[in-house]
Amino acid sequence: MEETFPDLGALNDAELKDLIESLTEEEQEISYRRRVLHGKIDILRAELVNRLRQKRERGDSLISGDDVRQLTEILAGKTQSAGERKKDTS
């Protein structure tokens, strides 16, 4: 998709209809991708909940020392945001 929005006054009716159709198709593709991603996230979360439930039923600890350390760092403001982590791994 173009970064700048076209001069609408310079477009004829056919060009305007083509642009509407193109943007509508793009929106539908993005919407579909979003729904697929949400489905995958739901499946992963369900698996995590299932694993935690099994750990609890076995009497295992649900929180590890690493979890406590990471939470401590988050609360102390010592961790990077997701955006900063992405920059570091690029």
N, C-alpha and C. Protein backbone atom coordinates (compact mmCIF):
# COMPACT_ATOMS: atom_id res chain seq x y z
N MET A 1 0.83 -1.18 0.00
CA MET A 1 0.00 0.00 0.00
C MET A 1 0.88 1.24 0.00
N GLU A 2 0.43 2.25 -0.70
CA GLU A 2 1.18 3.51 -0.73
C GLU A 2 1.10 4.19 0.63
N GLU A 3 2.18 4.87 0.97
CA GLU A 3 2.24 5.56 2.25
C GLU A 3 1.42 6.85 2.25
N THR A 4 1.35 7.52 1.09
CA THR A 4 0.62 8.79 1.02
C THR A 4 -0.75 8.54 0.44
N PHE A 5 -1.69 9.34 0.86
CA PHE A 5 -3.06 9.24 0.37
C PHE A 5 -3.15 10.04 -0.92
N PRO A 6 -3.80 9.50 -1.94
CA PRO A 6 -3.84 10.20 -3.23
C PRO A 6 -4.71 11.45 -3.19
N ASP A 7 -4.48 12.32 -4.16
CA ASP A 7 -5.32 13.50 -4.33
C ASP A 7 -6.65 13.02 -4.90
N LEU A 8 -7.66 12.98 -4.06
CA LEU A 8 -8.95 12.43 -4.49
C LEU A 8 -9.57 13.21 -5.63
N GLY A 9 -9.35 14.49 -5.68
CA GLY A 9 -9.91 15.30 -6.76
C GLY A 9 -9.30 14.98 -8.11
N ALA A 10 -8.11 14.40 -8.11
CA ALA A 10 -7.44 14.08 -9.37
C ALA A 10 -7.84 12.71 -9.90
N LEU A 11 -8.57 11.93 -9.11
CA LEU A 11 -8.97 10.58 -9.53
C LEU A 11 -10.31 10.62 -10.26
N ASN A 12 -10.40 9.86 -11.35
CA ASN A 12 -11.70 9.74 -12.00
C ASN A 12 -12.51 8.66 -11.26
N ASP A 13 -13.75 8.47 -11.64
CA ASP A 13 -14.62 7.53 -10.93
C ASP A 13 -14.07 6.10 -10.94
N ALA A 14 -13.55 5.66 -12.07
CA ALA A 14 -13.01 4.30 -12.16
C ALA A 14 -11.80 4.12 -11.25
N GLU A 15 -10.92 5.11 -11.21
CA GLU A 15 -9.74 5.04 -10.34
C GLU A 15 -10.15 5.04 -8.88
N LEU A 16 -11.15 5.83 -8.55
CA LEU A 16 -11.64 5.88 -7.18
C LEU A 16 -12.24 4.54 -6.77
N LYS A 17 -13.03 3.93 -7.65
CA LYS A 17 -13.61 2.61 -7.37
C LYS A 17 -12.52 1.55 -7.24
N ASP A 18 -11.49 1.61 -8.10
CA ASP A 18 -10.38 0.67 -8.02
C ASP A 18 -9.63 0.80 -6.69
N LEU A 19 -9.44 2.03 -6.27
CA LEU A 19 -8.74 2.27 -5.00
C LEU A 19 -9.56 1.73 -3.83
N ILE A 20 -10.87 1.96 -3.86
CA ILE A 20 -11.74 1.43 -2.80
C ILE A 20 -11.66 -0.08 -2.77
N GLU A 21 -11.72 -0.71 -3.94
CA GLU A 21 -11.66 -2.17 -4.03
C GLU A 21 -10.32 -2.69 -3.52
N SER A 22 -9.25 -2.04 -3.91
CA SER A 22 -7.92 -2.46 -3.48
C SER A 22 -7.76 -2.36 -1.97
N LEU A 23 -8.20 -1.25 -1.39
CA LEU A 23 -8.07 -1.08 0.06
C LEU A 23 -9.00 -2.02 0.82
N THR A 24 -10.16 -2.30 0.25
CA THR A 24 -11.08 -3.25 0.88
C THR A 24 -10.47 -4.65 0.90
N GLU A 25 -9.86 -5.06 -0.21
CA GLU A 25 -9.19 -6.36 -0.26
C GLU A 25 -8.05 -6.43 0.75
N GLU A 26 -7.27 -5.36 0.84
CA GLU A 26 -6.16 -5.33 1.79
C GLU A 26 -6.68 -5.45 3.22
N GLU A 27 -7.75 -4.74 3.52
CA GLU A 27 -8.34 -4.79 4.87
C GLU A 27 -8.82 -6.20 5.18
N GLN A 28 -9.43 -6.87 4.22
CA GLN A 28 -9.92 -8.24 4.42
C GLN A 28 -8.77 -9.20 4.67
N GLU A 29 -7.66 -9.04 3.95
CA GLU A 29 -6.49 -9.88 4.15
C GLU A 29 -5.90 -9.68 5.54
N ILE A 30 -5.82 -8.43 5.95
CA ILE A 30 -5.28 -8.12 7.28
C ILE A 30 -6.20 -8.67 8.36
N SER A 31 -7.50 -8.52 8.17
CA SER A 31 -8.48 -9.01 9.13
C SER A 31 -8.39 -10.53 9.26
N TYR A 32 -8.25 -11.22 8.12
CA TYR A 32 -8.12 -12.68 8.15
C TYR A 32 -6.86 -13.08 8.91
N ARG A 33 -5.76 -12.43 8.62
CA ARG A 33 -4.49 -12.73 9.30
C ARG A 33 -4.61 -12.51 10.80
N ARG A 34 -5.29 -11.43 11.18
CA ARG A 34 -5.51 -11.12 12.59
C ARG A 34 -6.31 -12.22 13.27
N ARG A 35 -7.37 -12.71 12.61
CA ARG A 35 -8.19 -13.78 13.18
C ARG A 35 -7.37 -15.06 13.34
N VAL A 36 -6.53 -15.37 12.35
CA VAL A 36 -5.67 -16.56 12.44
C VAL A 36 -4.72 -16.43 13.62
N LEU A 37 -4.10 -15.25 13.77
CA LEU A 37 -3.18 -15.04 14.88
C LEU A 37 -3.88 -15.16 16.22
N HIS A 38 -5.08 -14.59 16.33
CA HIS A 38 -5.84 -14.70 17.59
C HIS A 38 -6.16 -16.16 17.89
N GLY A 39 -6.50 -16.93 16.86
CA GLY A 39 -6.76 -18.36 17.06
C GLY A 39 -5.53 -19.08 17.59
N LYS A 40 -4.37 -18.79 17.00
CA LYS A 40 -3.12 -19.42 17.45
C LYS A 40 -2.81 -19.03 18.89
N ILE A 41 -3.01 -17.76 19.22
CA ILE A 41 -2.77 -17.29 20.59
C ILE A 41 -3.69 -18.02 21.56
N ASP A 42 -4.97 -18.17 21.19
CA ASP A 42 -5.92 -18.88 22.05
C ASP A 42 -5.49 -20.32 22.28
N ILE A 43 -5.02 -21.00 21.23
CA ILE A 43 -4.55 -22.38 21.36
C ILE A 43 -3.34 -22.45 22.29
N LEU A 44 -2.39 -21.54 22.10
CA LEU A 44 -1.20 -21.54 22.95
C LEU A 44 -1.54 -21.26 24.41
N ARG A 45 -2.44 -20.32 24.64
CA ARG A 45 -2.85 -20.02 26.03
C ARG A 45 -3.56 -21.21 26.66
N ALA A 46 -4.41 -21.90 25.89
CA ALA A 46 -5.09 -23.07 26.41
C ALA A 46 -4.08 -24.15 26.80
N GLU A 47 -3.06 -24.34 25.97
CA GLU A 47 -2.02 -25.32 26.28
C GLU A 47 -1.28 -24.93 27.56
N LEU A 48 -0.96 -23.65 27.70
CA LEU A 48 -0.27 -23.19 28.91
C LEU A 48 -1.14 -23.42 30.15
N VAL A 49 -2.42 -23.09 30.06
CA VAL A 49 -3.33 -23.30 31.19
C VAL A 49 -3.39 -24.79 31.52
N ASN A 50 -3.47 -25.64 30.51
CA ASN A 50 -3.50 -27.09 30.74
C ASN A 50 -2.24 -27.56 31.45
N ARG A 51 -1.09 -27.07 31.01
CA ARG A 51 0.17 -27.46 31.65
C ARG A 51 0.23 -26.99 33.10
N LEU A 52 -0.22 -25.77 33.35
CA LEU A 52 -0.22 -25.26 34.73
C LEU A 52 -1.17 -26.07 35.60
N ARG A 53 -2.32 -26.44 35.04
CA ARG A 53 -3.28 -27.25 35.79
C ARG A 53 -2.66 -28.61 36.15
N GLN A 54 -1.96 -29.21 35.19
CA GLN A 54 -1.31 -30.50 35.46
C GLN A 54 -0.23 -30.36 36.52
N LYS A 55 0.54 -29.28 36.47
CA LYS A 55 1.58 -29.05 37.48
C LYS A 55 0.94 -28.92 38.86
N ARG A 56 -0.16 -28.18 38.94
CA ARG A 56 -0.84 -28.00 40.22
C ARG A 56 -1.35 -29.33 40.74
N GLU A 57 -1.94 -30.14 39.85
CA GLU A 57 -2.47 -31.43 40.26
C GLU A 57 -1.37 -32.37 40.76
N ARG A 58 -0.16 -32.25 40.20
CA ARG A 58 0.97 -33.06 40.66
C ARG A 58 1.59 -32.51 41.93
N GLY A 59 1.19 -31.31 42.30
CA GLY A 59 1.76 -30.69 43.50
C GLY A 59 3.02 -29.90 43.22
N ASP A 60 3.35 -29.73 41.94
CA ASP A 60 4.54 -28.97 41.57
C ASP A 60 4.31 -27.48 41.82
N SER A 61 5.40 -26.76 41.96
CA SER A 61 5.33 -25.31 42.11
C SER A 61 4.95 -24.68 40.78
N LEU A 62 4.03 -23.75 40.81
CA LEU A 62 3.60 -23.07 39.59
C LEU A 62 4.49 -21.89 39.24
N ILE A 63 5.25 -21.41 40.22
CA ILE A 63 6.12 -20.26 40.02
C ILE A 63 7.54 -20.67 40.32
N SER A 64 8.42 -20.45 39.35
CA SER A 64 9.82 -20.83 39.53
C SER A 64 10.62 -19.64 40.07
N GLY A 65 11.85 -19.92 40.43
CA GLY A 65 12.75 -18.86 40.87
C GLY A 65 12.99 -17.85 39.76
N ASP A 66 13.06 -18.34 38.52
CA ASP A 66 13.22 -17.44 37.37
C ASP A 66 12.02 -16.51 37.23
N ASP A 67 10.82 -17.05 37.48
CA ASP A 67 9.62 -16.22 37.40
C ASP A 67 9.68 -15.09 38.43
N VAL A 68 10.10 -15.42 39.64
CA VAL A 68 10.21 -14.42 40.71
C VAL A 68 11.26 -13.37 40.34
N ARG A 69 12.41 -13.82 39.82
CA ARG A 69 13.47 -12.90 39.42
C ARG A 69 12.98 -11.96 38.33
N GLN A 70 12.31 -12.53 37.32
CA GLN A 70 11.82 -11.71 36.22
C GLN A 70 10.78 -10.71 36.71
N LEU A 71 9.88 -11.13 37.58
CA LEU A 71 8.88 -10.21 38.11
C LEU A 71 9.54 -9.11 38.92
N THR A 72 10.55 -9.46 39.70
CA THR A 72 11.28 -8.47 40.49
C THR A 72 11.91 -7.43 39.58
N GLU A 73 12.51 -7.89 38.47
CA GLU A 73 13.13 -6.96 37.52
C GLU A 73 12.09 -6.06 36.86
N ILE A 74 10.95 -6.64 36.51
CA ILE A 74 9.88 -5.85 35.90
C ILE A 74 9.41 -4.77 36.86
N LEU A 75 9.17 -5.16 38.10
CA LEU A 75 8.67 -4.19 39.08
C LEU A 75 9.72 -3.13 39.41
N ALA A 76 10.99 -3.48 39.29
CA ALA A 76 12.06 -2.52 39.56
C ALA A 76 12.38 -1.68 38.33
N GLY A 77 11.70 -1.97 37.21
CA GLY A 77 11.93 -1.20 35.99
C GLY A 77 13.25 -1.54 35.32
N LYS A 78 13.76 -2.73 35.54
CA LYS A 78 15.07 -3.10 35.00
C LYS A 78 14.99 -3.91 33.71
N THR A 79 13.79 -4.12 33.19
CA THR A 79 13.67 -4.91 31.95
C THR A 79 13.38 -3.99 30.79
N GLN A 80 13.63 -4.52 29.59
CA GLN A 80 13.37 -3.77 28.38
C GLN A 80 11.94 -4.03 27.93
N SER A 81 11.38 -3.06 27.24
CA SER A 81 10.05 -3.25 26.66
C SER A 81 10.17 -4.19 25.48
N ALA A 82 9.03 -4.69 24.99
CA ALA A 82 9.03 -5.60 23.84
C ALA A 82 9.66 -4.93 22.63
N GLY A 83 9.39 -3.66 22.42
CA GLY A 83 9.97 -2.94 21.29
C GLY A 83 11.47 -2.83 21.38
N GLU A 84 11.99 -2.62 22.59
CA GLU A 84 13.44 -2.54 22.77
C GLU A 84 14.09 -3.90 22.54
N ARG A 85 13.43 -4.99 22.98
CA ARG A 85 13.97 -6.33 22.76
C ARG A 85 14.04 -6.65 21.29
N LYS A 86 13.03 -6.24 20.52
CA LYS A 86 13.04 -6.50 19.09
C LYS A 86 14.20 -5.78 18.42
N LYS A 87 14.50 -4.55 18.84
CA LYS A 87 15.62 -3.80 18.27
C LYS A 87 16.93 -4.51 18.56
N ASP A 88 17.07 -5.06 19.77
CA ASP A 88 18.32 -5.71 20.16
C ASP A 88 18.55 -6.99 19.38
N THR A 89 17.49 -7.69 18.98
CA THR A 89 17.66 -8.96 18.28
C THR A 89 17.74 -8.79 16.79
N SER A 90 17.58 -7.58 16.28
CA SER A 90 17.63 -7.35 14.83
C SER A 90 19.04 -7.34 14.32
